[in-house]
Protein backbone atom coordinates (compact mmCIF):
# COMPACT_ATOMS: atom_id res chain seq x y z
CA UNK A 1 88.36 140.92 84.85
CA UNK A 2 91.59 139.10 85.65
CA UNK A 3 92.14 135.71 84.04
CA UNK A 4 95.15 134.74 86.09
CA UNK A 5 95.36 130.97 86.76
CA UNK A 6 94.08 129.71 90.10
CA UNK A 7 97.19 129.12 92.27
CA UNK A 8 97.79 125.56 93.42
CA UNK A 9 99.42 124.02 96.47
CA UNK A 10 103.16 124.55 96.58
CA UNK A 11 103.58 120.99 97.86
CA UNK A 12 102.57 119.74 94.41
CA UNK A 13 105.70 121.30 92.91
CA UNK A 14 107.74 118.43 94.39
CA UNK A 15 105.36 115.63 93.36
CA UNK A 16 106.14 113.47 90.34
CA UNK A 17 104.11 110.60 88.91
CA UNK A 18 105.37 109.91 85.41
CA UNK A 19 103.63 106.52 85.32
CA UNK A 20 100.53 108.50 84.34
CA UNK A 21 102.22 111.81 83.56
CA UNK A 22 103.25 113.76 80.47
CA UNK A 23 104.36 110.71 78.49
CA UNK A 24 101.05 108.95 79.11
CA UNK A 25 99.14 112.07 78.08
CA UNK A 26 101.17 112.27 74.87
CA UNK A 27 100.44 108.59 74.25
CA UNK A 28 96.70 109.29 74.45
CA UNK A 29 97.08 112.07 71.88
CA UNK A 30 98.92 109.73 69.52
CA UNK A 31 96.27 107.04 69.95
CA UNK A 32 93.51 109.54 69.24
CA UNK A 33 95.37 110.38 66.03
CA UNK A 34 95.27 106.71 65.03
CA UNK A 35 98.70 105.47 66.16
CA UNK A 36 99.02 101.91 67.47
CA UNK A 37 101.17 101.85 70.59
CA UNK A 38 102.82 99.25 72.79
CA UNK A 39 102.07 100.53 76.29
CA UNK A 40 104.30 99.03 78.97
CA UNK A 41 103.99 101.87 81.45
CA UNK A 42 101.48 100.53 83.96
CA UNK A 43 100.73 97.26 85.75
CA UNK A 44 97.06 97.00 84.81
CA UNK A 45 96.31 93.28 84.26
CA UNK A 46 92.79 93.66 82.90
CA UNK A 47 94.04 95.87 80.08
CA UNK A 48 96.17 92.92 78.92
CA UNK A 49 93.42 90.31 79.12
CA UNK A 50 94.30 89.07 82.63
CA UNK A 51 90.99 89.50 84.42
CA UNK A 52 89.93 88.84 87.99
CA UNK A 53 88.85 85.20 88.45
CA UNK A 54 85.16 84.49 87.98
CA UNK A 55 84.52 83.51 91.61
CA UNK A 56 85.80 86.93 92.76
CA UNK A 57 83.65 88.79 90.24
CA UNK A 58 80.65 86.67 91.23
CA UNK A 59 81.04 87.61 94.89
CA UNK A 60 80.46 91.26 93.97
CA UNK A 61 77.45 90.42 91.81
CA UNK A 62 75.85 88.34 94.56
CA UNK A 63 76.19 91.12 97.13
CA UNK A 64 75.25 94.19 95.11
CA UNK A 65 71.90 94.34 96.90
CA UNK A 66 73.76 94.42 100.24
CA UNK A 67 76.03 97.28 99.21
CA UNK A 68 73.78 100.34 99.32
CA UNK A 69 74.58 101.51 102.88
CA UNK A 70 77.86 102.84 104.17
CA UNK A 71 79.74 100.20 106.11
CA UNK A 72 81.97 100.70 109.15
CA UNK A 73 84.94 102.97 108.46
CA UNK A 74 87.33 100.03 108.93
CA UNK A 75 85.44 97.92 106.40
CA UNK A 76 83.04 95.00 106.22
CA UNK A 77 83.51 92.53 109.11
CA UNK A 78 83.60 89.54 106.75
CA UNK A 79 86.39 91.09 104.68
CA UNK A 80 88.43 92.13 107.72
CA UNK A 81 88.08 88.64 109.17
CA UNK A 82 89.48 87.15 105.96
CA UNK A 83 92.48 89.51 105.96
CA UNK A 84 93.18 88.87 109.65
CA UNK A 85 93.01 85.11 109.10
CA UNK A 86 95.51 85.38 106.23
CA UNK A 87 98.00 87.20 108.44
CA UNK A 88 97.56 84.80 111.34
CA UNK A 89 98.18 81.91 108.94
CA UNK A 90 101.40 83.63 107.87
CA UNK A 91 102.60 83.78 111.48
CA UNK A 92 101.45 87.18 112.74
CA UNK A 93 100.37 86.35 116.27
CA UNK A 94 97.40 88.14 117.81
CA UNK A 95 96.10 89.87 114.67
CA UNK A 96 92.33 90.40 114.83
CA UNK A 97 89.80 92.03 112.48
CA UNK A 98 90.09 95.17 114.63
CA UNK A 99 93.69 95.50 113.39
CA UNK A 100 92.57 95.61 109.74
CA UNK A 101 91.54 98.71 107.78
CA UNK A 102 90.09 98.44 104.28
CA UNK A 103 90.56 101.19 101.71
CA UNK A 104 90.00 102.24 98.14
CA UNK A 105 93.14 100.45 97.07
CA UNK A 106 96.50 100.47 98.80
CA UNK A 107 97.07 103.97 97.42
CA UNK A 108 94.42 105.50 99.68
CA UNK A 109 95.69 103.58 102.71
CA UNK A 110 99.28 104.74 102.17
CA UNK A 111 98.05 108.33 102.23
CA UNK A 112 96.02 107.76 105.39
CA UNK A 113 98.88 105.93 107.09
CA UNK A 114 101.32 108.79 106.53
CA UNK A 115 98.76 111.47 107.34
CA UNK A 116 98.05 109.78 110.67
CA UNK A 117 101.76 109.62 111.49
CA UNK A 118 103.59 112.70 110.26
CA UNK A 119 104.09 116.17 111.65
CA UNK A 120 105.62 118.86 109.40
CA UNK A 121 109.28 118.19 108.65
CA UNK A 122 109.39 114.65 109.97
CA UNK A 123 111.19 112.08 107.83
CA UNK A 124 110.32 108.83 106.12
CA UNK A 125 113.02 106.46 104.86
CA UNK A 126 112.12 105.26 101.36
CA UNK A 127 113.83 102.93 98.89
CA UNK A 128 115.46 104.36 95.80
CA UNK A 129 114.06 103.38 93.37
CA UNK A 130 110.63 103.62 94.97
CA UNK A 131 107.04 103.47 93.83
CA UNK A 132 106.56 107.25 93.51
CA UNK A 133 103.25 107.33 95.38
CA UNK A 134 105.22 106.79 98.59
CA UNK A 135 107.30 109.91 97.95
CA UNK A 136 104.25 111.92 96.91
CA UNK A 137 102.21 110.90 99.96
CA UNK A 138 105.13 111.76 102.25
CA UNK A 139 105.50 115.23 100.73
CA UNK A 140 101.78 115.97 100.58
CA UNK A 141 101.44 115.11 104.26
CA UNK A 142 104.21 117.50 105.28
CA UNK A 143 107.03 114.97 105.56
CA UNK A 144 110.48 114.76 104.04
CA UNK A 145 111.48 111.65 102.07
CA UNK A 146 115.02 110.38 102.64
CA UNK A 147 116.20 107.67 100.28
CA UNK A 148 118.24 104.56 100.93
CA UNK A 149 119.89 103.07 97.86
CA UNK A 150 118.87 99.78 96.24
CA UNK A 151 121.53 99.57 93.55
CA UNK A 152 121.46 97.31 90.49
CA UNK A 153 124.95 95.98 91.24
CA UNK A 154 123.57 94.66 94.55
CA UNK A 155 120.52 93.05 92.97
CA UNK A 156 118.45 96.12 93.93
CA UNK A 157 118.63 95.06 97.60
CA UNK A 158 119.31 97.73 100.25
CA UNK A 159 122.32 97.97 102.55
CA UNK A 160 121.14 97.93 106.19
CA UNK A 161 124.14 99.98 107.29
CA UNK A 162 123.26 102.73 104.83
CA UNK A 163 119.65 102.68 106.01
CA UNK A 164 120.69 103.09 109.63
CA UNK A 165 123.11 105.89 108.78
CA UNK A 166 120.17 107.92 107.45
CA UNK A 167 118.19 107.76 110.69
CA UNK A 168 117.89 111.07 112.55
CA UNK A 169 115.89 112.34 115.50
CA UNK A 170 113.15 113.31 113.05
CA UNK A 171 112.80 109.91 111.35
CA UNK A 172 109.39 108.35 111.96
CA UNK A 173 108.97 105.50 109.49
CA UNK A 174 110.90 103.07 107.32
CA UNK A 175 109.20 101.85 104.13
CA UNK A 176 109.82 98.60 102.25
CA UNK A 177 108.33 97.40 98.97
CA UNK A 178 108.57 93.61 98.78
CA UNK A 179 108.35 92.13 96.16
CA UNK A 180 109.60 95.36 94.72
CA UNK A 181 108.07 97.72 92.22
CA UNK A 182 109.85 98.77 89.97
CA UNK A 183 112.78 96.33 90.21
CA UNK A 184 111.23 92.95 91.00
CA UNK A 185 113.65 92.38 93.89
CA UNK A 186 112.48 89.94 96.58
CA UNK A 187 113.95 90.53 100.04
CA UNK A 188 115.54 87.56 101.84
CA UNK A 189 114.62 86.77 105.44
CA UNK A 190 118.02 87.73 106.89
CA UNK A 191 117.85 91.19 105.29
CA UNK A 192 114.33 91.73 106.63
CA UNK A 193 115.48 90.73 110.10
CA UNK A 194 118.29 93.28 109.95
CA UNK A 195 115.83 95.99 108.92
CA UNK A 196 113.49 95.07 111.79
CA UNK A 197 116.42 95.41 114.19
CA UNK A 198 117.09 98.93 112.89
CA UNK A 199 113.45 99.89 113.40
CA UNK A 200 113.53 98.47 116.92
CA UNK A 201 116.72 100.35 117.89
CA UNK A 202 115.36 103.67 116.66
CA UNK A 203 111.66 103.21 117.50
CA UNK A 204 110.55 103.52 113.89
CA UNK A 205 107.26 102.42 112.38
CA UNK A 206 107.73 99.86 109.62
CA UNK A 207 105.49 100.15 106.56
CA UNK A 208 105.68 97.34 104.00
CA UNK A 209 103.96 97.35 100.63
CA UNK A 210 103.30 93.66 99.91
CA UNK A 211 100.79 94.06 97.09
CA UNK A 212 102.82 91.62 94.90
CA UNK A 213 103.12 88.94 97.61
CA UNK A 214 101.80 86.12 95.41
CA UNK A 215 103.86 86.93 92.31
CA UNK A 216 107.32 85.33 92.56
CA UNK A 217 109.46 83.44 90.03
CA UNK A 218 111.91 80.54 89.87
CA UNK A 219 112.00 79.67 93.57
CA UNK A 220 112.13 83.20 94.97
CA UNK A 221 110.46 83.15 98.41
CA UNK A 222 108.20 85.91 99.63
CA UNK A 223 108.75 86.44 103.38
CA UNK A 224 106.05 88.53 105.10
CA UNK A 225 107.52 91.18 107.34
CA UNK A 226 105.04 91.32 110.22
CA UNK A 227 105.84 87.88 111.72
CA UNK A 228 109.48 88.99 112.11
CA UNK A 229 108.62 92.24 113.90
CA UNK A 230 107.58 91.15 117.40
CA UNK A 231 106.62 94.31 119.28
CA UNK A 232 107.89 96.66 116.55
CA UNK A 233 104.92 98.55 115.00
CA UNK A 234 104.38 97.29 111.46
CA UNK A 235 101.85 98.20 108.79
CA UNK A 236 101.41 95.53 106.10
CA UNK A 237 99.64 96.65 102.91
CA UNK A 238 97.93 94.34 100.43
CA UNK A 239 94.98 94.22 98.07
CA UNK A 240 93.19 92.74 95.08
CA UNK A 241 94.83 94.80 92.35
CA UNK A 242 97.75 92.62 91.30
CA UNK A 243 97.70 89.02 92.53
CA UNK A 244 93.92 88.89 92.01
CA UNK A 245 93.89 91.15 88.90
CA UNK A 246 91.16 93.43 90.27
CA UNK A 247 92.76 96.86 89.78
CA UNK A 248 89.48 98.63 89.07
CA UNK A 249 87.82 97.21 92.18
CA UNK A 250 89.95 99.56 94.33
CA UNK A 251 90.01 97.11 97.24
CA UNK A 252 93.03 97.20 99.53
CA UNK A 253 93.86 96.57 103.17
CA UNK A 254 96.42 97.39 105.81
CA UNK A 255 97.11 95.36 108.94
CA UNK A 256 98.51 97.04 112.06
CA UNK A 257 100.66 94.69 114.12
CA UNK A 258 103.14 95.05 116.98
CA UNK A 259 102.83 96.10 120.60
CA UNK A 260 99.25 97.25 121.15
CA UNK A 261 100.24 99.90 123.67
CA UNK A 262 102.52 101.57 121.14
CA UNK A 263 99.83 101.43 118.45
CA UNK A 264 96.77 102.56 120.42
CA UNK A 265 96.95 106.29 119.59
CA UNK A 266 97.96 105.60 116.01
CA UNK A 267 95.06 103.16 115.62
CA UNK A 268 92.70 105.89 116.85
CA UNK A 269 94.18 108.40 114.37
CA UNK A 270 93.82 105.90 111.53
CA UNK A 271 90.22 105.24 112.57
CA UNK A 272 89.44 108.97 112.63
CA UNK A 273 90.82 109.52 109.13
CA UNK A 274 88.96 106.47 107.89
CA UNK A 275 85.73 107.85 109.33
CA UNK A 276 86.25 111.22 107.62
CA UNK A 277 86.02 109.49 104.24
CA UNK A 278 83.06 107.45 105.59
CA UNK A 279 84.09 104.07 104.19
CA UNK A 280 85.78 102.30 101.32
CA UNK A 281 83.98 101.09 98.20
CA UNK A 282 81.51 98.53 99.60
CA UNK A 283 80.76 96.30 96.55
CA UNK A 284 84.43 95.47 96.06
CA UNK A 285 84.89 94.56 99.73
CA UNK A 286 82.68 91.51 99.17
CA UNK A 287 85.36 90.22 96.79
CA UNK A 288 88.01 90.08 99.51
CA UNK A 289 86.80 86.93 101.34
CA UNK A 290 86.22 85.23 97.98
CA UNK A 291 89.75 86.06 96.89
CA UNK A 292 91.55 85.13 100.11
CA UNK A 293 89.54 81.97 100.77
CA UNK A 294 89.31 80.84 97.16
CA UNK A 295 91.66 78.91 94.86
CA UNK A 296 95.17 80.10 93.99
CA UNK A 297 94.94 81.51 90.48
CA UNK A 298 98.27 83.39 90.43
CA UNK A 299 100.88 80.64 90.74
CA UNK A 300 100.07 79.24 87.31
CA UNK A 301 100.91 82.62 85.81
CA UNK A 302 104.35 82.83 87.42
CA UNK A 303 105.36 79.16 87.11
CA UNK A 304 107.39 77.98 84.08
CA UNK A 305 105.02 77.94 81.12
CA UNK A 306 102.81 80.63 82.67
CA UNK A 307 102.03 83.93 81.00
CA UNK A 308 104.00 86.17 83.39
CA UNK A 309 106.93 83.75 83.59
CA UNK A 310 107.19 83.68 79.80
CA UNK A 311 107.00 87.47 79.57
CA UNK A 312 109.70 87.81 82.22
CA UNK A 313 111.89 85.39 80.28
CA UNK A 314 111.30 87.41 77.12
CA UNK A 315 112.70 90.51 78.88
CA UNK A 316 115.69 88.57 80.23
CA UNK A 317 116.44 87.07 76.81
CA UNK A 318 116.07 90.41 75.01
CA UNK A 319 118.46 92.14 77.39
CA UNK A 320 120.97 89.26 77.17
CA UNK A 321 120.96 89.55 73.36
CA UNK A 322 121.20 93.34 73.37
CA UNK A 323 124.51 95.17 72.90
CA UNK A 324 123.46 97.92 75.32
CA UNK A 325 120.82 96.56 77.71
CA UNK A 326 121.10 94.60 80.94
CA UNK A 327 118.57 93.59 83.57
CA UNK A 328 118.56 92.12 87.05
CA UNK A 329 116.14 89.21 86.65
CA UNK A 330 112.99 90.08 88.60
CA UNK A 331 112.38 87.68 91.47
CA UNK A 332 108.81 88.92 91.87
CA UNK A 333 106.16 91.50 90.92
CA UNK A 334 105.09 92.22 87.35
CA UNK A 335 107.87 94.62 86.37
CA UNK A 336 111.46 94.71 85.20
CA UNK A 337 113.92 97.62 85.45
CA UNK A 338 116.46 97.33 82.60
CA UNK A 339 119.56 99.50 82.42
CA UNK A 340 121.25 101.07 79.40
CA UNK A 341 125.00 100.94 78.81
CA UNK A 342 125.66 104.56 77.85
CA UNK A 343 129.38 104.39 77.04
CA UNK A 344 128.69 105.31 73.40
CA UNK A 345 125.69 107.47 74.33
CA UNK A 346 127.16 110.50 76.13
CA UNK A 347 124.54 112.74 77.64
CA UNK A 348 121.91 109.99 77.58
CA UNK A 349 118.73 111.07 79.36
CA UNK A 350 116.06 108.52 80.22
CA UNK A 351 113.13 110.93 79.83
CA UNK A 352 114.24 112.25 76.42
CA UNK A 353 114.84 108.68 75.29
CA UNK A 354 111.37 107.59 76.47
CA UNK A 355 109.77 110.50 74.60
CA UNK A 356 111.67 109.71 71.39
CA UNK A 357 110.79 106.02 71.74
CA UNK A 358 107.13 106.94 72.05
CA UNK A 359 107.08 109.43 69.17
CA UNK A 360 109.17 107.47 66.68
CA UNK A 361 108.74 103.85 67.68
CA UNK A 362 105.30 103.71 69.31
CA UNK A 363 106.52 102.29 72.62
CA UNK A 364 105.53 103.73 76.01
CA UNK A 365 107.87 103.01 78.94
CA UNK A 366 108.50 104.80 82.23
CA UNK A 367 111.88 106.56 82.68
CA UNK A 368 113.83 105.19 85.64
CA UNK A 369 114.36 108.64 87.13
CA UNK A 370 110.60 108.75 87.74
CA UNK A 371 111.23 106.31 90.59
CA UNK A 372 113.45 108.71 92.53
CA UNK A 373 116.89 107.51 91.52
CA UNK A 374 119.82 109.79 90.78
CA UNK A 375 120.98 107.92 87.68
CA UNK A 376 119.23 108.38 84.32
CA UNK A 377 119.95 105.19 82.39
CA UNK A 378 117.13 102.84 83.49
CA UNK A 379 113.49 102.35 82.56
CA UNK A 380 110.59 100.28 83.83
CA UNK A 381 108.45 97.91 81.77
CA UNK A 382 105.53 95.76 82.82
CA UNK A 383 105.57 92.01 82.25
CA UNK A 384 101.87 91.90 81.37
CA UNK A 385 102.06 91.92 77.53
CA UNK A 386 102.32 88.73 75.51
CA UNK A 387 105.94 87.52 75.19
CA UNK A 388 105.92 88.13 71.43
CA UNK A 389 104.94 91.75 72.02
CA UNK A 390 107.74 92.14 74.56
CA UNK A 391 110.25 90.79 72.04
CA UNK A 392 109.02 93.35 69.49
CA UNK A 393 109.21 96.16 72.05
CA UNK A 394 112.82 95.39 72.88
CA UNK A 395 113.68 95.14 69.17
CA UNK A 396 112.41 98.71 68.87
CA UNK A 397 114.25 99.83 71.99
CA UNK A 398 117.53 98.44 70.64
CA UNK A 399 116.85 100.16 67.32
CA UNK A 400 116.21 103.49 69.05
CA UNK A 401 119.44 103.21 71.03
CA UNK A 402 121.40 102.40 67.89
CA UNK A 403 119.79 105.36 66.13
CA UNK A 404 120.95 107.66 68.94
CA UNK A 405 124.48 106.22 68.83
CA UNK A 406 124.73 106.75 65.07
CA UNK A 407 123.44 110.31 65.39
CA UNK A 408 126.18 111.04 67.95
CA UNK A 409 128.85 109.56 65.64
CA UNK A 410 127.71 111.73 62.76
CA UNK A 411 127.67 114.81 64.97
CA UNK A 412 131.31 114.36 66.02
CA UNK A 413 132.59 113.22 62.60
């Protein structure tokens, strides 16, 4: 009997997700062997003691008895009404509950959105760095990702001219992540307006990941994209995972806005795919109205003196004091994307460094190249740990970099 491995989809050969990849698996092995680790690889608030507010949790408890049946494939009416009202309040004219789809987190909705749109070989414009799920979902649904640069020297903001130069006859969608993961960049209104104009000229669908919309720092302003779009088709993604600290609820939404005539067939395709998976997790949907209509519990975290603000400042201070590290101060989200000065570290590789840092120093980070950038001298950290832990992490990172530099000196001596 043959024991050859079962072959897998060739599309998976191009998919990378190092946030929970080989480094994370190695970290689990080390923990099982008794090692204590500092894990800064994933934005999972509950794992750092930042739990969903009590009124959101209570909404699920109160409605458990109402959650046995499947609901409509678009989601519970009460939850869709709350999402639609939020977007109308932000200035999106004409949005109704029928324009809202609920999903098992934004991740599922991104996959559905691209599956409903793409034919084999069609292109999606993505930021570089990106959140790698966007690249994976594009590839797995037969599309080709094309990357526009968001460079550190430009504050990780894109160049509209470069975006437009990438458009071809096969380009279908243009993706934004604002506030950005992994960089923390927050896009100004004028830049968003320029991007909308590109989409309008080339009849592109705009898709904007706004899951960090309520997490901004030091006066940075989150500007929702949909109110700027007019008739341009726009999909706005949000959910309970980050601002409301309910990652495990798996409760996300997407709002379709723009000219209804242009969106009618796409809306039907989205509805069909939603029906094929029957519905999203019902208990967590009851938390959506409670979250959107309840008190603001995020601003205190990002204001001066708040937990996330202090952690962000700890990263900024550590990089300012470091001989080799720099960082563009995050304007939003719960991540930072420091860079390494490699002038005395020839051949520096972000993945090898991350592995050494994990094995020798007990720190788990995500290599920057995991976010689809060409350079290999950045890494992502989450701002969720206590500031004192972040200071210790960066002390170890500086020590690991110095250790590599000394090893290179000895090798060439």
